[in-house]
Amino acid sequence: MKPKYLFSVLLFMNIYSCTEFQEKQLQEDAVEVFIPRDGLRTDVATQQFYWYELAGAEDYQLQVASPDFQEIERLVLDTIMTNTRLFLTLAPGDYEWRVRAFNNSSASLFSSRRLYIDSTLNLSNQTVQIVDPSDQDTSNKMSYKFRWQELYNADQYTVDLASDKDFSSIIQNWTVNVPELEIIVPSEGGYHWRVRAINPSSVSPYSSRSFFVDTTAPQVPLLVSPGNGQVLLGNSVNFLWQRQSAGISSVRDSLQISKDSLFSNSHVNLLLDVNSLNLDTLGSDSYFWRVQSIDKAFNSSDWSGASEFVIQ
């Protein structure tokens, strides 16, 4: 083998060995489960699956089977997740669930538990688990689709929409037979919604969330410095701009720097939470810069006018 090829092979082996050494190997480890306890029998349909973080893990695989994994009739859930807890609503029956951790090069052993859900018509101890939208969601759409996990012993669901979190000012309510509802809000603003399950003999507690509708685009930001035509000595440049009034949601700004006024090939393209930036990576040349404001609902302003500056 020629020396240069031998060197390449040794270099590759060294890099691979370093990667393997740096990342914890999980093959002999197992995830420690917190809840539900093994063999739990309950009539509470919504259960929280919760385990402790495993050192070196990047993600977790959670599986739920009925009645078990040896004689599986139905795979209820098979999901990859980064956090260590999940709420899941189950129908009456026998279940086995298991969880394992993994990273880029290894996976842990599965930790398995048994769970038994008994049937009941009493909804007072049940929880309606909301799926969408996420709490405090912000959108520029006037239509919203609410979704929640179905409760096996519910005949109907009631949904309330309000302008206050205490639901003292209910805007509208609905009764539906399926675990979803699409609505159109009357105007932009903040809203609160809640849902509960009902049957002829009982009702569940309410589950609630909030959301915001923002259809107003931010105004065009005002460039402050460097000023148009300004000549700078040295490559340290302090960019500063002013945000104008926006809608009801928070604003971030897109900053572009280019060597041409059409920004056909941007030298810098950043999305920032602040309205200033110091850069010391620009070489001696002529540059153009501009800023656009974007709010949390993804409404965007027009771009500011381009301002030119020179670094000597």
Protein backbone atom coordinates (compact mmCIF):
# COMPACT_ATOMS: atom_id res chain seq x y z
CA MET A 1 0.00 0.00 0.00
CA LYS A 2 1.36 3.41 -0.96
CA PRO A 3 2.10 5.75 1.99
CA LYS A 4 -0.49 8.39 1.02
CA TYR A 5 -3.24 5.76 0.86
CA LEU A 6 -2.13 4.29 4.18
CA PHE A 7 -2.29 7.77 5.71
CA SER A 8 -5.85 8.28 4.35
CA VAL A 9 -7.04 4.96 5.79
CA LEU A 10 -5.48 5.69 9.18
CA LEU A 11 -7.00 9.19 9.19
CA PHE A 12 -10.47 7.79 8.42
CA MET A 13 -10.11 5.13 11.13
CA ASN A 14 -9.03 7.78 13.62
CA ILE A 15 -12.01 10.07 12.82
CA TYR A 16 -14.45 7.14 13.03
CA SER A 17 -12.95 5.95 16.30
CA CYS A 18 -13.17 9.46 17.79
CA THR A 19 -16.84 9.72 16.77
CA GLU A 20 -17.63 6.34 18.33
CA PHE A 21 -15.70 7.26 21.46
CA GLN A 22 -17.39 10.62 21.88
CA GLU A 23 -20.96 9.33 21.58
CA LYS A 24 -22.25 7.20 24.46
CA GLN A 25 -23.16 3.65 23.48
CA LEU A 26 -26.61 2.66 24.73
CA GLN A 27 -26.82 -1.08 23.96
CA GLU A 28 -26.53 -2.17 27.58
CA ASP A 29 -28.73 0.59 29.02
CA ALA A 30 -32.48 0.72 29.58
CA VAL A 31 -34.89 3.60 30.07
CA GLU A 32 -36.25 3.97 33.60
CA VAL A 33 -40.05 4.27 33.49
CA PHE A 34 -41.93 6.51 35.92
CA ILE A 35 -45.62 6.13 35.05
CA PRO A 36 -47.92 4.32 34.44
CA ARG A 37 -46.72 1.61 36.82
CA ASP A 38 -46.43 -1.92 35.51
CA GLY A 39 -49.73 -3.83 35.61
CA LEU A 40 -51.89 -0.79 36.32
CA ARG A 41 -55.61 -1.49 36.00
CA THR A 42 -57.80 1.61 35.76
CA ASP A 43 -60.94 3.01 34.14
CA VAL A 44 -59.17 6.33 33.40
CA ALA A 45 -58.81 6.30 29.61
CA THR A 46 -56.25 9.10 29.23
CA GLN A 47 -52.88 8.06 30.59
CA GLN A 48 -49.60 9.94 30.82
CA PHE A 49 -46.60 7.88 29.68
CA TYR A 50 -43.56 9.30 31.42
CA TRP A 51 -39.98 8.06 31.71
CA TYR A 52 -36.68 9.52 32.85
CA GLU A 53 -34.07 10.89 30.45
CA LEU A 54 -31.24 8.50 29.60
CA ALA A 55 -27.76 9.99 29.39
CA GLY A 56 -26.48 10.02 25.81
CA ALA A 57 -29.94 9.65 24.24
CA GLU A 58 -31.06 11.88 21.38
CA ASP A 59 -34.59 10.52 20.85
CA TYR A 60 -37.00 7.91 22.18
CA GLN A 61 -39.23 5.33 20.49
CA LEU A 62 -42.57 4.67 22.20
CA GLN A 63 -44.74 1.74 21.11
CA VAL A 64 -48.15 0.63 22.40
CA ALA A 65 -49.67 -2.72 21.35
CA SER A 66 -52.88 -4.59 22.14
CA PRO A 67 -53.09 -7.01 23.83
CA ASP A 68 -49.27 -7.41 23.90
CA PHE A 69 -46.24 -7.63 21.60
CA GLN A 70 -46.11 -11.45 21.66
CA GLU A 71 -49.63 -11.93 20.28
CA ILE A 72 -50.19 -8.50 18.79
CA GLU A 73 -53.58 -7.74 17.31
CA ARG A 74 -53.19 -3.99 16.95
CA LEU A 75 -50.26 -1.60 17.03
CA VAL A 76 -51.88 1.40 18.70
CA LEU A 77 -48.87 3.72 18.58
CA ASP A 78 -45.34 3.75 17.20
CA THR A 79 -43.72 7.16 17.46
CA ILE A 80 -40.32 8.84 17.70
CA MET A 81 -40.08 11.75 20.12
CA THR A 82 -37.46 13.94 21.78
CA ASN A 83 -39.25 14.56 25.08
CA THR A 84 -39.98 11.97 27.76
CA ARG A 85 -43.73 12.19 28.28
CA LEU A 86 -46.89 11.76 26.23
CA PHE A 87 -50.64 11.78 26.96
CA LEU A 88 -52.61 9.10 25.15
CA THR A 89 -56.33 8.20 25.30
CA LEU A 90 -57.05 4.49 25.02
CA ALA A 91 -60.19 2.38 24.58
CA PRO A 92 -60.95 -0.35 27.14
CA GLY A 93 -58.65 -3.33 26.71
CA ASP A 94 -55.30 -4.93 27.55
CA TYR A 95 -52.10 -3.20 26.47
CA GLU A 96 -48.37 -3.59 26.54
CA TRP A 97 -46.19 -0.55 26.01
CA ARG A 98 -42.47 -0.14 25.68
CA VAL A 99 -39.91 2.60 25.24
CA ARG A 100 -36.26 2.74 24.24
CA ALA A 101 -33.68 5.46 23.71
CA PHE A 102 -31.34 5.88 20.77
CA ASN A 103 -28.71 8.18 19.31
CA ASN A 104 -26.80 8.29 16.03
CA SER A 105 -24.92 5.04 16.62
CA SER A 106 -26.83 2.89 19.11
CA ALA A 107 -30.15 2.05 20.77
CA SER A 108 -30.96 0.98 24.30
CA LEU A 109 -32.92 -2.05 25.39
CA PHE A 110 -36.71 -1.76 25.44
CA SER A 111 -38.37 -1.14 28.82
CA SER A 112 -41.82 -2.79 28.78
CA ARG A 113 -44.91 -2.41 30.99
CA ARG A 114 -48.46 -3.80 31.00
CA LEU A 115 -51.58 -1.61 31.25
CA TYR A 116 -55.29 -2.53 31.55
CA ILE A 117 -58.09 -0.04 30.78
CA ASP A 118 -61.51 -0.99 32.18
CA SER A 119 -64.80 0.19 30.70
CA THR A 120 -66.93 2.80 32.46
CA LEU A 121 -69.73 5.18 31.57
CA ASN A 122 -68.57 7.71 34.15
CA LEU A 123 -66.90 10.62 32.37
CA SER A 124 -66.18 12.66 35.50
CA ASN A 125 -62.67 11.20 35.86
CA GLN A 126 -61.84 11.32 32.16
CA THR A 127 -59.78 13.95 30.36
CA VAL A 128 -60.33 15.14 26.80
CA GLN A 129 -56.83 15.32 25.35
CA ILE A 130 -56.51 18.19 22.84
CA VAL A 131 -54.42 17.51 19.74
CA ASP A 132 -54.59 20.74 17.68
CA PRO A 133 -53.94 23.59 17.73
CA SER A 134 -51.11 23.89 20.23
CA ASP A 135 -51.66 26.18 23.18
CA GLN A 136 -50.92 29.86 22.42
CA ASP A 137 -50.87 29.10 18.69
CA THR A 138 -50.69 32.16 16.42
CA SER A 139 -52.00 32.21 12.86
CA ASN A 140 -52.92 34.66 10.09
CA LYS A 141 -55.87 32.46 9.05
CA MET A 142 -59.43 33.27 10.11
CA SER A 143 -60.34 29.56 10.09
CA TYR A 144 -59.23 27.14 12.79
CA LYS A 145 -59.62 23.38 13.09
CA PHE A 146 -59.88 21.98 16.60
CA ARG A 147 -59.00 18.32 17.12
CA TRP A 148 -58.90 16.13 20.22
CA GLN A 149 -58.51 12.45 21.06
CA GLU A 150 -61.76 10.49 21.07
CA LEU A 151 -63.13 9.20 24.36
CA TYR A 152 -64.68 5.74 23.89
CA ASN A 153 -67.58 6.39 26.32
CA ALA A 154 -68.55 9.82 24.98
CA ASP A 155 -71.62 10.29 22.83
CA GLN A 156 -71.01 13.95 22.02
CA TYR A 157 -68.64 16.84 22.69
CA THR A 158 -69.47 20.44 23.52
CA VAL A 159 -67.09 23.21 22.40
CA ASP A 160 -67.09 26.82 23.60
CA LEU A 161 -65.29 29.79 22.06
CA ALA A 162 -64.67 32.84 24.25
CA SER A 163 -62.74 36.09 24.29
CA ASP A 164 -61.60 35.67 27.91
CA LYS A 165 -59.89 32.81 29.72
CA ASP A 166 -62.67 32.62 32.34
CA PHE A 167 -65.26 31.97 29.60
CA SER A 168 -67.54 34.63 31.03
CA SER A 169 -68.01 36.03 27.50
CA ILE A 170 -68.77 33.06 25.26
CA ILE A 171 -68.86 34.01 21.60
CA GLN A 172 -70.31 30.75 20.30
CA ASN A 173 -70.75 27.10 21.29
CA TRP A 174 -71.23 23.87 19.37
CA THR A 175 -72.20 20.25 19.99
CA VAL A 176 -70.53 17.67 17.72
CA ASN A 177 -70.46 13.87 17.43
CA VAL A 178 -66.86 13.61 16.20
CA PRO A 179 -63.57 14.67 17.85
CA GLU A 180 -62.97 17.69 15.61
CA LEU A 181 -64.52 21.02 14.68
CA GLU A 182 -63.62 23.68 12.12
CA ILE A 183 -64.62 27.27 12.87
CA ILE A 184 -64.20 30.77 11.46
CA VAL A 185 -63.42 33.48 14.01
CA PRO A 186 -65.23 36.82 13.69
CA SER A 187 -62.09 39.01 13.72
CA GLU A 188 -58.40 39.00 14.56
CA GLY A 189 -57.49 38.90 18.23
CA GLY A 190 -56.98 36.52 21.12
CA TYR A 191 -59.37 33.62 21.75
CA HIS A 192 -59.91 30.80 24.23
CA TRP A 193 -61.62 27.52 23.51
CA ARG A 194 -62.60 24.51 25.58
CA VAL A 195 -64.09 21.08 24.97
CA ARG A 196 -65.71 18.43 27.15
CA ALA A 197 -67.22 15.01 26.55
CA ILE A 198 -70.83 14.13 27.43
CA ASN A 199 -73.06 11.07 27.57
CA PRO A 200 -76.57 10.59 29.05
CA SER A 201 -75.25 9.98 32.57
CA SER A 202 -72.15 12.18 32.99
CA VAL A 203 -69.85 14.88 31.64
CA SER A 204 -66.09 15.23 31.68
CA PRO A 205 -64.17 18.28 32.94
CA TYR A 206 -63.30 20.91 30.33
CA SER A 207 -59.96 20.92 28.54
CA SER A 208 -58.98 24.35 27.23
CA ARG A 209 -56.40 26.20 25.15
CA SER A 210 -55.78 29.69 23.77
CA PHE A 211 -54.88 30.96 20.31
CA PHE A 212 -54.32 34.23 18.46
CA VAL A 213 -55.39 35.37 15.02
CA ASP A 214 -53.23 38.14 13.57
CA THR A 215 -53.87 39.24 9.97
CA THR A 216 -52.12 42.64 10.17
CA ALA A 217 -48.71 42.84 8.54
CA PRO A 218 -45.96 44.77 10.35
CA GLN A 219 -45.01 48.14 8.94
CA VAL A 220 -41.81 48.61 6.99
CA PRO A 221 -38.81 48.96 9.33
CA LEU A 222 -36.80 52.20 9.29
CA LEU A 223 -33.05 51.90 8.63
CA VAL A 224 -30.91 53.99 11.01
CA SER A 225 -27.24 53.09 10.54
CA PRO A 226 -25.08 52.82 8.60
CA GLY A 227 -26.66 55.66 6.69
CA ASN A 228 -27.03 55.77 2.93
CA GLY A 229 -23.69 56.69 1.36
CA GLN A 230 -21.78 56.38 4.65
CA VAL A 231 -18.08 55.49 4.40
CA LEU A 232 -16.70 53.32 7.20
CA LEU A 233 -13.10 52.78 8.22
CA GLY A 234 -12.45 49.22 9.34
CA ASN A 235 -14.64 46.17 8.87
CA SER A 236 -16.69 46.46 12.09
CA VAL A 237 -20.20 47.62 11.15
CA ASN A 238 -23.04 48.34 13.59
CA PHE A 239 -26.42 47.83 11.91
CA LEU A 240 -29.39 49.49 13.59
CA TRP A 241 -33.02 49.84 12.49
CA GLN A 242 -36.35 50.76 14.04
CA ARG A 243 -39.37 48.48 14.12
CA GLN A 244 -42.64 50.20 13.31
CA SER A 245 -46.03 49.31 14.78
CA ALA A 246 -47.19 45.74 14.16
CA GLY A 247 -50.23 43.58 14.85
CA ILE A 248 -50.83 41.66 18.05
CA SER A 249 -47.97 39.16 17.68
CA SER A 250 -44.24 39.49 18.26
CA VAL A 251 -41.92 40.50 15.43
CA ARG A 252 -38.59 39.28 14.07
CA ASP A 253 -36.58 40.91 11.32
CA SER A 254 -34.89 39.57 8.22
CA LEU A 255 -31.61 41.36 7.45
CA GLN A 256 -30.02 41.11 4.01
CA ILE A 257 -26.64 42.47 2.90
CA SER A 258 -25.54 42.29 -0.71
CA LYS A 259 -22.99 43.76 -3.09
CA ASP A 260 -25.71 44.64 -5.59
CA SER A 261 -28.83 46.76 -5.14
CA LEU A 262 -31.12 44.00 -6.47
CA PHE A 263 -29.94 41.53 -3.79
CA SER A 264 -29.62 38.82 -6.40
CA ASN A 265 -26.82 37.22 -4.41
CA SER A 266 -27.07 38.11 -0.72
CA HIS A 267 -23.78 38.16 1.17
CA VAL A 268 -25.63 37.99 4.52
CA ASN A 269 -29.18 36.72 5.15
CA LEU A 270 -30.20 36.54 8.82
CA LEU A 271 -33.44 36.28 10.82
CA LEU A 272 -33.08 38.22 14.09
CA ASP A 273 -35.09 38.72 17.27
CA VAL A 274 -33.30 42.02 17.94
CA ASN A 275 -33.17 45.24 15.90
CA SER A 276 -29.39 45.63 15.81
CA LEU A 277 -26.36 43.62 14.77
CA ASN A 278 -22.58 44.06 14.81
CA LEU A 279 -20.65 42.42 11.99
CA ASP A 280 -16.88 42.33 11.58
CA THR A 281 -16.69 39.85 8.68
CA LEU A 282 -17.26 42.23 5.76
CA GLY A 283 -14.25 43.10 3.65
CA SER A 284 -13.43 46.40 1.96
CA ASP A 285 -16.10 46.99 -0.67
CA SER A 286 -19.43 48.66 -1.41
CA TYR A 287 -22.56 47.06 0.12
CA PHE A 288 -26.34 47.41 0.20
CA TRP A 289 -28.53 46.42 3.15
CA ARG A 290 -32.25 46.18 3.83
CA VAL A 291 -34.62 44.81 6.47
CA GLN A 292 -38.06 43.17 6.47
CA SER A 293 -40.24 42.58 9.55
CA ILE A 294 -42.02 39.23 10.01
CA ASP A 295 -44.45 38.56 12.86
CA LYS A 296 -45.24 35.31 14.67
CA ALA A 297 -48.27 34.73 12.43
CA PHE A 298 -45.97 34.93 9.38
CA ASN A 299 -47.32 38.23 8.15
CA SER A 300 -44.46 40.18 6.58
CA SER A 301 -43.85 43.80 5.78
CA ASP A 302 -42.45 45.09 2.52
CA TRP A 303 -38.68 45.37 2.38
CA SER A 304 -37.22 48.66 3.46
CA GLY A 305 -35.48 50.67 0.78
CA ALA A 306 -31.90 49.56 0.15
CA SER A 307 -29.21 51.64 1.83
CA GLU A 308 -25.64 51.70 0.50
CA PHE A 309 -22.45 51.94 2.55
CA VAL A 310 -18.75 51.56 1.81
CA ILE A 311 -16.04 49.88 3.86
CA GLN A 312 -12.53 51.17 3.21
